[in-house]
Amino acid sequence: HESKMGGKHNQWYLHYFAPEQPDWNWDNQEVIDN
């Protein structure tokens, strides 16, 4: 849950490794370009 990292909304984020390692969204062109 994002609150674990200080987020103020009610969503969850994906991390296939540690919670301190949020996964990139590789369907996002901005991530690819970066």
PDB file of all heavy atoms in Angstrom:
ATOM      1  N   HIS A   1       0.859  -1.191   0.000  1.00  0.00           N
ATOM      2  CA  HIS A   1       0.000   0.000   0.000  1.00  0.00           C
ATOM      3  C   HIS A   1       0.887   1.229   0.000  1.00  0.00           C
ATOM      4  O   HIS A   1       1.924   1.281   0.673  1.00  0.00           O
ATOM      5  CB  HIS A   1      -0.908   0.001   1.226  1.00  0.00           C
ATOM      6  CG  HIS A   1      -2.048   0.948   1.101  1.00  0.00           C
ATOM      7  ND1 HIS A   1      -1.951   2.272   1.468  1.00  0.00           N
ATOM      8  CD2 HIS A   1      -3.306   0.765   0.610  1.00  0.00           C
ATOM      9  CE1 HIS A   1      -3.113   2.877   1.235  1.00  0.00           C
ATOM     10  NE2 HIS A   1      -3.960   1.988   0.718  1.00  0.00           N
ATOM     11  N   GLU A   2       0.508   2.226  -0.771  1.00  0.00           N
ATOM     12  CA  GLU A   2       1.350   3.411  -0.912  1.00  0.00           C
ATOM     13  C   GLU A   2       1.591   4.135   0.406  1.00  0.00           C
ATOM     14  O   GLU A   2       2.596   4.843   0.569  1.00  0.00           O
ATOM     15  CB  GLU A   2       0.760   4.376  -1.928  1.00  0.00           C
ATOM     16  CG  GLU A   2      -0.573   4.989  -1.537  1.00  0.00           C
ATOM     17  CD  GLU A   2      -1.005   6.027  -2.554  1.00  0.00           C
ATOM     18  OE1 GLU A   2      -0.451   7.145  -2.525  1.00  0.00           O
ATOM     19  OE2 GLU A   2      -1.891   5.729  -3.381  1.00  0.00           O
ATOM     20  N   SER A   3       0.694   3.951   1.380  1.00  0.00           N
ATOM     21  CA  SER A   3       0.876   4.603   2.682  1.00  0.00           C
ATOM     22  C   SER A   3       2.170   4.135   3.344  1.00  0.00           C
ATOM     23  O   SER A   3       2.748   4.853   4.157  1.00  0.00           O
ATOM     24  CB  SER A   3      -0.316   4.327   3.594  1.00  0.00           C
ATOM     25  OG  SER A   3      -0.469   2.928   3.805  1.00  0.00           O
ATOM     26  N   LYS A   4       2.638   2.959   2.981  1.00  0.00           N
ATOM     27  CA  LYS A   4       3.889   2.420   3.515  1.00  0.00           C
ATOM     28  C   LYS A   4       5.069   3.317   3.159  1.00  0.00           C
ATOM     29  O   LYS A   4       6.070   3.379   3.873  1.00  0.00           O
ATOM     30  CB  LYS A   4       4.119   1.012   2.965  1.00  0.00           C
ATOM     31  CG  LYS A   4       5.359   0.299   3.474  1.00  0.00           C
ATOM     32  CD  LYS A   4       5.500  -1.067   2.818  1.00  0.00           C
ATOM     33  CE  LYS A   4       6.719  -1.820   3.300  1.00  0.00           C
ATOM     34  NZ  LYS A   4       6.537  -2.391   4.637  1.00  0.00           N
ATOM     35  N   MET A   5       4.946   4.033   2.024  1.00  0.00           N
ATOM     36  CA  MET A   5       6.005   4.911   1.547  1.00  0.00           C
ATOM     37  C   MET A   5       5.638   6.388   1.649  1.00  0.00           C
ATOM     38  O   MET A   5       6.291   7.238   1.052  1.00  0.00           O
ATOM     39  CB  MET A   5       6.350   4.570   0.088  1.00  0.00           C
ATOM     40  CG  MET A   5       6.975   3.205  -0.085  1.00  0.00           C
ATOM     41  SD  MET A   5       8.544   3.070   0.799  1.00  0.00           S
ATOM     42  CE  MET A   5       8.814   1.295   0.758  1.00  0.00           C
ATOM     43  N   GLY A   6       4.578   6.677   2.379  1.00  0.00           N
ATOM     44  CA  GLY A   6       4.203   8.069   2.588  1.00  0.00           C
ATOM     45  C   GLY A   6       3.166   8.596   1.623  1.00  0.00           C
ATOM     46  O   GLY A   6       2.853   9.795   1.650  1.00  0.00           O
ATOM     47  N   GLY A   7       2.632   7.732   0.755  1.00  0.00           N
ATOM     48  CA  GLY A   7       1.578   8.169  -0.158  1.00  0.00           C
ATOM     49  C   GLY A   7       0.294   8.471   0.590  1.00  0.00           C
ATOM     50  O   GLY A   7       0.000   7.859   1.620  1.00  0.00           O
ATOM     51  N   LYS A   8      -0.475   9.387   0.071  1.00  0.00           N
ATOM     52  CA  LYS A   8      -1.687   9.837   0.770  1.00  0.00           C
ATOM     53  C   LYS A   8      -2.970   9.363   0.122  1.00  0.00           C
ATOM     54  O   LYS A   8      -4.061   9.761   0.517  1.00  0.00           O
ATOM     55  CB  LYS A   8      -1.671  11.367   0.865  1.00  0.00           C
ATOM     56  CG  LYS A   8      -0.516  11.907   1.697  1.00  0.00           C
ATOM     57  CD  LYS A   8      -0.519  13.428   1.733  1.00  0.00           C
ATOM     58  CE  LYS A   8       0.561  13.967   2.675  1.00  0.00           C
ATOM     59  NZ  LYS A   8       1.918  13.509   2.329  1.00  0.00           N
ATOM     60  N   HIS A   9      -2.857   8.512  -0.912  1.00  0.00           N
ATOM     61  CA  HIS A   9      -4.045   7.986  -1.570  1.00  0.00           C
ATOM     62  C   HIS A   9      -4.204   6.506  -1.235  1.00  0.00           C
ATOM     63  O   HIS A   9      -3.356   5.914  -0.569  1.00  0.00           O
ATOM     64  CB  HIS A   9      -3.946   8.206  -3.083  1.00  0.00           C
ATOM     65  CG  HIS A   9      -3.882   9.664  -3.445  1.00  0.00           C
ATOM     66  ND1 HIS A   9      -4.974  10.487  -3.409  1.00  0.00           N
ATOM     67  CD2 HIS A   9      -2.828  10.435  -3.833  1.00  0.00           C
ATOM     68  CE1 HIS A   9      -4.614  11.722  -3.765  1.00  0.00           C
ATOM     69  NE2 HIS A   9      -3.318  11.714  -4.021  1.00  0.00           N
ATOM     70  N   ASN A  10      -5.295   5.926  -1.686  1.00  0.00           N
ATOM     71  CA  ASN A  10      -5.610   4.544  -1.310  1.00  0.00           C
ATOM     72  C   ASN A  10      -5.334   3.581  -2.467  1.00  0.00           C
ATOM     73  O   ASN A  10      -6.227   2.890  -2.947  1.00  0.00           O
ATOM     74  CB  ASN A  10      -7.069   4.453  -0.866  1.00  0.00           C
ATOM     75  CG  ASN A  10      -7.402   3.104  -0.242  1.00  0.00           C
ATOM     76  OD1 ASN A  10      -6.520   2.403   0.254  1.00  0.00           O
ATOM     77  ND2 ASN A  10      -8.671   2.731  -0.284  1.00  0.00           N
ATOM     78  N   GLN A  11      -4.061   3.562  -2.926  1.00  0.00           N
ATOM     79  CA  GLN A  11      -3.692   2.627  -3.986  1.00  0.00           C
ATOM     80  C   GLN A  11      -2.507   1.764  -3.540  1.00  0.00           C
ATOM     81  O   GLN A  11      -1.844   2.056  -2.549  1.00  0.00           O
ATOM     82  CB  GLN A  11      -3.336   3.382  -5.273  1.00  0.00           C
ATOM     83  CG  GLN A  11      -4.538   3.942  -5.999  1.00  0.00           C
ATOM     84  CD  GLN A  11      -4.209   4.349  -7.425  1.00  0.00           C
ATOM     85  OE1 GLN A  11      -3.228   5.038  -7.686  1.00  0.00           O
ATOM     86  NE2 GLN A  11      -5.053   3.922  -8.360  1.00  0.00           N
ATOM     87  N   TRP A  12      -2.291   0.735  -4.308  1.00  0.00           N
ATOM     88  CA  TRP A  12      -1.182  -0.193  -4.082  1.00  0.00           C
ATOM     89  C   TRP A  12      -0.218  -0.095  -5.254  1.00  0.00           C
ATOM     90  O   TRP A  12      -0.623   0.195  -6.383  1.00  0.00           O
ATOM     91  CB  TRP A  12      -1.710  -1.627  -3.987  1.00  0.00           C
ATOM     92  CG  TRP A  12      -2.661  -1.860  -2.847  1.00  0.00           C
ATOM     93  CD1 TRP A  12      -3.941  -1.385  -2.732  1.00  0.00           C
ATOM     94  CD2 TRP A  12      -2.416  -2.631  -1.666  1.00  0.00           C
ATOM     95  NE1 TRP A  12      -4.510  -1.803  -1.554  1.00  0.00           N
ATOM     96  CE2 TRP A  12      -3.595  -2.578  -0.877  1.00  0.00           C
ATOM     97  CE3 TRP A  12      -1.333  -3.360  -1.206  1.00  0.00           C
ATOM     98  CZ2 TRP A  12      -3.700  -3.223   0.338  1.00  0.00           C
ATOM     99  CZ3 TRP A  12      -1.442  -4.017   0.011  1.00  0.00           C
ATOM    100  CH2 TRP A  12      -2.611  -3.942   0.777  1.00  0.00           C
ATOM    101  N   TYR A  13       1.059  -0.339  -5.003  1.00  0.00           N
ATOM    102  CA  TYR A  13       2.041  -0.327  -6.086  1.00  0.00           C
ATOM    103  C   TYR A  13       2.754  -1.679  -6.148  1.00  0.00           C
ATOM    104  O   TYR A  13       2.918  -2.371  -5.143  1.00  0.00           O
ATOM    105  CB  TYR A  13       3.056   0.812  -5.914  1.00  0.00           C
ATOM    106  CG  TYR A  13       3.993   0.661  -4.742  1.00  0.00           C
ATOM    107  CD1 TYR A  13       5.214   0.023  -4.867  1.00  0.00           C
ATOM    108  CD2 TYR A  13       3.639   1.163  -3.474  1.00  0.00           C
ATOM    109  CE1 TYR A  13       6.074  -0.129  -3.780  1.00  0.00           C
ATOM    110  CE2 TYR A  13       4.475   1.015  -2.384  1.00  0.00           C
ATOM    111  CZ  TYR A  13       5.694   0.371  -2.551  1.00  0.00           C
ATOM    112  OH  TYR A  13       6.533   0.198  -1.469  1.00  0.00           O
ATOM    113  N   LEU A  14       3.175  -2.040  -7.350  1.00  0.00           N
ATOM    114  CA  LEU A  14       3.780  -3.346  -7.603  1.00  0.00           C
ATOM    115  C   LEU A  14       5.284  -3.319  -7.368  1.00  0.00           C
ATOM    116  O   LEU A  14       5.973  -2.380  -7.782  1.00  0.00           O
ATOM    117  CB  LEU A  14       3.509  -3.761  -9.056  1.00  0.00           C
ATOM    118  CG  LEU A  14       4.016  -5.140  -9.481  1.00  0.00           C
ATOM    119  CD1 LEU A  14       3.210  -6.241  -8.789  1.00  0.00           C
ATOM    120  CD2 LEU A  14       3.928  -5.287 -11.002  1.00  0.00           C
ATOM    121  N   HIS A  15       5.797  -4.365  -6.715  1.00  0.00           N
ATOM    122  CA  HIS A  15       7.247  -4.534  -6.544  1.00  0.00           C
ATOM    123  C   HIS A  15       7.546  -6.028  -6.496  1.00  0.00           C
ATOM    124  O   HIS A  15       7.214  -6.712  -5.550  1.00  0.00           O
ATOM    125  CB  HIS A  15       7.740  -3.855  -5.246  1.00  0.00           C
ATOM    126  CG  HIS A  15       7.045  -4.319  -4.008  1.00  0.00           C
ATOM    127  ND1 HIS A  15       7.423  -5.452  -3.302  1.00  0.00           N
ATOM    128  CD2 HIS A  15       5.957  -3.825  -3.365  1.00  0.00           C
ATOM    129  CE1 HIS A  15       6.618  -5.615  -2.263  1.00  0.00           C
ATOM    130  NE2 HIS A  15       5.711  -4.651  -2.273  1.00  0.00           N
ATOM    131  N   TYR A  16       8.189  -6.542  -7.533  1.00  0.00           N
ATOM    132  CA  TYR A  16       8.504  -7.963  -7.564  1.00  0.00           C
ATOM    133  C   TYR A  16       9.694  -8.307  -6.681  1.00  0.00           C
ATOM    134  O   TYR A  16      10.004  -9.484  -6.485  1.00  0.00           O
ATOM    135  CB  TYR A  16       8.769  -8.421  -8.997  1.00  0.00           C
ATOM    136  CG  TYR A  16       7.500  -8.792  -9.730  1.00  0.00           C
ATOM    137  CD1 TYR A  16       7.134  -8.135 -10.892  1.00  0.00           C
ATOM    138  CD2 TYR A  16       6.667  -9.796  -9.235  1.00  0.00           C
ATOM    139  CE1 TYR A  16       5.968  -8.476 -11.560  1.00  0.00           C
ATOM    140  CE2 TYR A  16       5.497 -10.133  -9.895  1.00  0.00           C
ATOM    141  CZ  TYR A  16       5.153  -9.471 -11.057  1.00  0.00           C
ATOM    142  OH  TYR A  16       3.998  -9.813 -11.703  1.00  0.00           O
ATOM    143  N   PHE A  17      10.363  -7.276  -6.168  1.00  0.00           N
ATOM    144  CA  PHE A  17      11.460  -7.508  -5.238  1.00  0.00           C
ATOM    145  C   PHE A  17      11.088  -6.841  -3.904  1.00  0.00           C
ATOM    146  O   PHE A  17      10.002  -7.067  -3.399  1.00  0.00           O
ATOM    147  CB  PHE A  17      12.781  -7.010  -5.841  1.00  0.00           C
ATOM    148  CG  PHE A  17      13.219  -7.856  -7.007  1.00  0.00           C
ATOM    149  CD1 PHE A  17      12.778  -7.579  -8.295  1.00  0.00           C
ATOM    150  CD2 PHE A  17      14.039  -8.957  -6.811  1.00  0.00           C
ATOM    151  CE1 PHE A  17      13.149  -8.382  -9.373  1.00  0.00           C
ATOM    152  CE2 PHE A  17      14.428  -9.765  -7.871  1.00  0.00           C
ATOM    153  CZ  PHE A  17      13.973  -9.477  -9.154  1.00  0.00           C
ATOM    154  N   ALA A  18      11.953  -6.036  -3.312  1.00  0.00           N
ATOM    155  CA  ALA A  18      11.649  -5.428  -2.016  1.00  0.00           C
ATOM    156  C   ALA A  18      10.619  -4.300  -2.171  1.00  0.00           C
ATOM    157  O   ALA A  18      10.499  -3.704  -3.242  1.00  0.00           O
ATOM    158  CB  ALA A  18      12.934  -4.871  -1.408  1.00  0.00           C
ATOM    159  N   PRO A  19       9.892  -3.990  -1.109  1.00  0.00           N
ATOM    160  CA  PRO A  19       8.955  -2.859  -1.175  1.00  0.00           C
ATOM    161  C   PRO A  19       9.640  -1.545  -1.548  1.00  0.00           C
ATOM    162  O   PRO A  19       8.994  -0.643  -2.084  1.00  0.00           O
ATOM    163  CB  PRO A  19       8.378  -2.803   0.248  1.00  0.00           C
ATOM    164  CG  PRO A  19       8.494  -4.202   0.753  1.00  0.00           C
ATOM    165  CD  PRO A  19       9.785  -4.722   0.172  1.00  0.00           C
ATOM    166  N   GLU A  20      10.953  -1.449  -1.264  1.00  0.00           N
ATOM    167  CA  GLU A  20      11.711  -0.246  -1.617  1.00  0.00           C
ATOM    168  C   GLU A  20      12.115  -0.219  -3.089  1.00  0.00           C
ATOM    169  O   GLU A  20      12.854   0.666  -3.518  1.00  0.00           O
ATOM    170  CB  GLU A  20      12.977  -0.158  -0.753  1.00  0.00           C
ATOM    171  CG  GLU A  20      12.719   0.044   0.730  1.00  0.00           C
ATOM    172  CD  GLU A  20      12.503  -1.263   1.489  1.00  0.00           C
ATOM    173  OE1 GLU A  20      12.477  -2.339   0.837  1.00  0.00           O
ATOM    174  OE2 GLU A  20      12.338  -1.217   2.726  1.00  0.00           O
ATOM    175  N   GLN A  21      11.605  -1.193  -3.883  1.00  0.00           N
ATOM    176  CA  GLN A  21      11.956  -1.296  -5.300  1.00  0.00           C
ATOM    177  C   GLN A  21      10.697  -1.334  -6.168  1.00  0.00           C
ATOM    178  O   GLN A  21      10.364  -2.361  -6.761  1.00  0.00           O
ATOM    179  CB  GLN A  21      12.804  -2.545  -5.539  1.00  0.00           C
ATOM    180  CG  GLN A  21      14.157  -2.501  -4.836  1.00  0.00           C
ATOM    181  CD  GLN A  21      14.875  -3.835  -4.888  1.00  0.00           C
ATOM    182  OE1 GLN A  21      14.462  -4.792  -4.241  1.00  0.00           O
ATOM    183  NE2 GLN A  21      15.951  -3.899  -5.645  1.00  0.00           N
ATOM    184  N   PRO A  22       9.985  -0.221  -6.287  1.00  0.00           N
ATOM    185  CA  PRO A  22       8.768  -0.197  -7.111  1.00  0.00           C
ATOM    186  C   PRO A  22       9.076  -0.478  -8.577  1.00  0.00           C
ATOM    187  O   PRO A  22      10.031   0.059  -9.140  1.00  0.00           O
ATOM    188  CB  PRO A  22       8.235   1.232  -6.904  1.00  0.00           C
ATOM    189  CG  PRO A  22       9.436   2.036  -6.522  1.00  0.00           C
ATOM    190  CD  PRO A  22      10.289   1.113  -5.716  1.00  0.00           C
ATOM    191  N   ASP A  23       8.264  -1.325  -9.182  1.00  0.00           N
ATOM    192  CA  ASP A  23       8.476  -1.719 -10.578  1.00  0.00           C
ATOM    193  C   ASP A  23       8.098  -0.603 -11.546  1.00  0.00           C
ATOM    194  O   ASP A  23       7.065   0.065 -11.390  1.00  0.00           O
ATOM    195  CB  ASP A  23       7.629  -2.951 -10.908  1.00  0.00           C
ATOM    196  CG  ASP A  23       8.276  -4.237 -10.447  1.00  0.00           C
ATOM    197  OD1 ASP A  23       9.056  -4.204  -9.481  1.00  0.00           O
ATOM    198  OD2 ASP A  23       7.990  -5.273 -11.068  1.00  0.00           O
ATOM    199  N   TRP A  24       8.938  -0.457 -12.579  1.00  0.00           N
ATOM    200  CA  TRP A  24       8.616   0.458 -13.675  1.00  0.00           C
ATOM    201  C   TRP A  24       7.476  -0.117 -14.512  1.00  0.00           C
ATOM    202  O   TRP A  24       7.313  -1.332 -14.618  1.00  0.00           O
ATOM    203  CB  TRP A  24       9.821   0.658 -14.588  1.00  0.00           C
ATOM    204  CG  TRP A  24      10.967   1.399 -14.005  1.00  0.00           C
ATOM    205  CD1 TRP A  24      12.204   0.896 -13.672  1.00  0.00           C
ATOM    206  CD2 TRP A  24      11.027   2.801 -13.707  1.00  0.00           C
ATOM    207  NE1 TRP A  24      13.005   1.891 -13.188  1.00  0.00           N
ATOM    208  CE2 TRP A  24      12.322   3.066 -13.189  1.00  0.00           C
ATOM    209  CE3 TRP A  24      10.123   3.847 -13.818  1.00  0.00           C
ATOM    210  CZ2 TRP A  24      12.719   4.335 -12.794  1.00  0.00           C
ATOM    211  CZ3 TRP A  24      10.518   5.117 -13.422  1.00  0.00           C
ATOM    212  CH2 TRP A  24      11.797   5.351 -12.910  1.00  0.00           C
ATOM    213  N   ASN A  25       6.728   0.762 -15.139  1.00  0.00           N
ATOM    214  CA  ASN A  25       5.691   0.374 -16.087  1.00  0.00           C
ATOM    215  C   ASN A  25       6.279   0.441 -17.493  1.00  0.00           C
ATOM    216  O   ASN A  25       6.360   1.516 -18.094  1.00  0.00           O
ATOM    217  CB  ASN A  25       4.487   1.315 -15.964  1.00  0.00           C
ATOM    218  CG  ASN A  25       3.426   1.020 -17.009  1.00  0.00           C
ATOM    219  OD1 ASN A  25       3.453  -0.031 -17.669  1.00  0.00           O
ATOM    220  ND2 ASN A  25       2.489   1.938 -17.171  1.00  0.00           N
ATOM    221  N   TRP A  26       6.668  -0.710 -18.024  1.00  0.00           N
ATOM    222  CA  TRP A  26       7.319  -0.736 -19.331  1.00  0.00           C
ATOM    223  C   TRP A  26       6.333  -0.653 -20.496  1.00  0.00           C
ATOM    224  O   TRP A  26       6.728  -0.745 -21.657  1.00  0.00           O
ATOM    225  CB  TRP A  26       8.231  -1.956 -19.443  1.00  0.00           C
ATOM    226  CG  TRP A  26       9.570  -1.650 -18.835  1.00  0.00           C
ATOM    227  CD1 TRP A  26       9.951  -1.839 -17.543  1.00  0.00           C
ATOM    228  CD2 TRP A  26      10.682  -1.049 -19.492  1.00  0.00           C
ATOM    229  NE1 TRP A  26      11.237  -1.401 -17.350  1.00  0.00           N
ATOM    230  CE2 TRP A  26      11.714  -0.920 -18.537  1.00  0.00           C
ATOM    231  CE3 TRP A  26      10.924  -0.613 -20.798  1.00  0.00           C
ATOM    232  CZ2 TRP A  26      12.957  -0.364 -18.840  1.00  0.00           C
ATOM    233  CZ3 TRP A  26      12.150  -0.065 -21.121  1.00  0.00           C
ATOM    234  CH2 TRP A  26      13.146   0.053 -20.142  1.00  0.00           C
ATOM    235  N   ASP A  27       5.064  -0.453 -20.214  1.00  0.00           N
ATOM    236  CA  ASP A  27       4.103  -0.097 -21.258  1.00  0.00           C
ATOM    237  C   ASP A  27       4.060   1.414 -21.459  1.00  0.00           C
ATOM    238  O   ASP A  27       3.343   1.903 -22.337  1.00  0.00           O
ATOM    239  CB  ASP A  27       2.698  -0.585 -20.883  1.00  0.00           C
ATOM    240  CG  ASP A  27       2.562  -2.094 -21.011  1.00  0.00           C
ATOM    241  OD1 ASP A  27       3.248  -2.669 -21.885  1.00  0.00           O
ATOM    242  OD2 ASP A  27       1.775  -2.689 -20.257  1.00  0.00           O
ATOM    243  N   ASN A  28       4.814   2.131 -20.639  1.00  0.00           N
ATOM    244  CA  ASN A  28       4.829   3.593 -20.670  1.00  0.00           C
ATOM    245  C   ASN A  28       6.007   4.077 -21.529  1.00  0.00           C
ATOM    246  O   ASN A  28       7.160   3.805 -21.212  1.00  0.00           O
ATOM    247  CB  ASN A  28       4.944   4.116 -19.229  1.00  0.00           C
ATOM    248  CG  ASN A  28       4.812   5.623 -19.140  1.00  0.00           C
ATOM    249  OD1 ASN A  28       5.426   6.361 -19.892  1.00  0.00           O
ATOM    250  ND2 ASN A  28       4.013   6.078 -18.188  1.00  0.00           N
ATOM    251  N   GLN A  29       5.708   4.807 -22.594  1.00  0.00           N
ATOM    252  CA  GLN A  29       6.765   5.266 -23.501  1.00  0.00           C
ATOM    253  C   GLN A  29       7.747   6.190 -22.810  1.00  0.00           C
ATOM    254  O   GLN A  29       8.940   6.210 -23.140  1.00  0.00           O
ATOM    255  CB  GLN A  29       6.146   5.982 -24.712  1.00  0.00           C
ATOM    256  CG  GLN A  29       7.140   6.307 -25.808  1.00  0.00           C
ATOM    257  CD  GLN A  29       7.793   5.071 -26.408  1.00  0.00           C
ATOM    258  OE1 GLN A  29       7.103   4.091 -26.710  1.00  0.00           O
ATOM    259  NE2 GLN A  29       9.111   5.099 -26.576  1.00  0.00           N
ATOM    260  N   GLU A  30       7.294   6.949 -21.835  1.00  0.00           N
ATOM    261  CA  GLU A  30       8.192   7.854 -21.106  1.00  0.00           C
ATOM    262  C   GLU A  30       9.273   7.068 -20.365  1.00  0.00           C
ATOM    263  O   GLU A  30      10.439   7.490 -20.298  1.00  0.00           O
ATOM    264  CB  GLU A  30       7.390   8.708 -20.130  1.00  0.00           C
ATOM    265  CG  GLU A  30       8.193   9.834 -19.522  1.00  0.00           C
ATOM    266  CD  GLU A  30       7.367  10.741 -18.628  1.00  0.00           C
ATOM    267  OE1 GLU A  30       6.191  10.417 -18.354  1.00  0.00           O
ATOM    268  OE2 GLU A  30       7.903  11.781 -18.193  1.00  0.00           O
ATOM    269  N   VAL A  31       8.910   5.917 -19.805  1.00  0.00           N
ATOM    270  CA  VAL A  31       9.881   5.056 -19.124  1.00  0.00           C
ATOM    271  C   VAL A  31      10.903   4.521 -20.127  1.00  0.00           C
ATOM    272  O   VAL A  31      12.115   4.533 -19.874  1.00  0.00           O
ATOM    273  CB  VAL A  31       9.161   3.892 -18.403  1.00  0.00           C
ATOM    274  CG1 VAL A  31      10.165   2.860 -17.894  1.00  0.00           C
ATOM    275  CG2 VAL A  31       8.321   4.425 -17.248  1.00  0.00           C
ATOM    276  N   ILE A  32      10.418   4.064 -21.273  1.00  0.00           N
ATOM    277  CA  ILE A  32      11.311   3.548 -22.312  1.00  0.00           C
ATOM    278  C   ILE A  32      12.289   4.626 -22.766  1.00  0.00           C
ATOM    279  O   ILE A  32      13.504   4.401 -22.842  1.00  0.00           O
ATOM    280  CB  ILE A  32      10.486   3.039 -23.514  1.00  0.00           C
ATOM    281  CG1 ILE A  32       9.641   1.830 -23.093  1.00  0.00           C
ATOM    282  CG2 ILE A  32      11.401   2.674 -24.687  1.00  0.00           C
ATOM    283  CD1 ILE A  32       8.624   1.398 -24.136  1.00  0.00           C
ATOM    284  N   ASP A  33      11.770   5.817 -23.048  1.00  0.00           N
ATOM    285  CA  ASP A  33      12.621   6.910 -23.522  1.00  0.00           C
ATOM    286  C   ASP A  33      13.653   7.306 -22.476  1.00  0.00           C
ATOM    287  O   ASP A  33      14.802   7.621 -22.805  1.00  0.00           O
ATOM    288  CB  ASP A  33      11.762   8.125 -23.885  1.00  0.00           C
ATOM    289  CG  ASP A  33      10.897   7.893 -25.115  1.00  0.00           C
ATOM    290  OD1 ASP A  33      11.181   6.936 -25.870  1.00  0.00           O
ATOM    291  OD2 ASP A  33       9.937   8.662 -25.308  1.00  0.00           O
ATOM    292  N   ASN A  34      13.254   7.277 -21.203  1.00  0.00           N
ATOM    293  CA  ASN A  34      14.177   7.656 -20.143  1.00  0.00           C
ATOM    294  C   ASN A  34      15.323   6.655 -20.028  1.00  0.00           C
ATOM    295  O   ASN A  34      16.477   7.037 -19.789  1.00  0.00           O
ATOM    296  CB  ASN A  34      13.430   7.768 -18.811  1.00  0.00           C
ATOM    297  CG  ASN A  34      14.268   8.415 -17.730  1.00  0.00           C
ATOM    298  OD1 ASN A  34      14.795   9.506 -17.912  1.00  0.00           O
ATOM    299  ND2 ASN A  34      14.402   7.746 -16.604  1.00  0.00           N
TER     300      ASN A  34
END
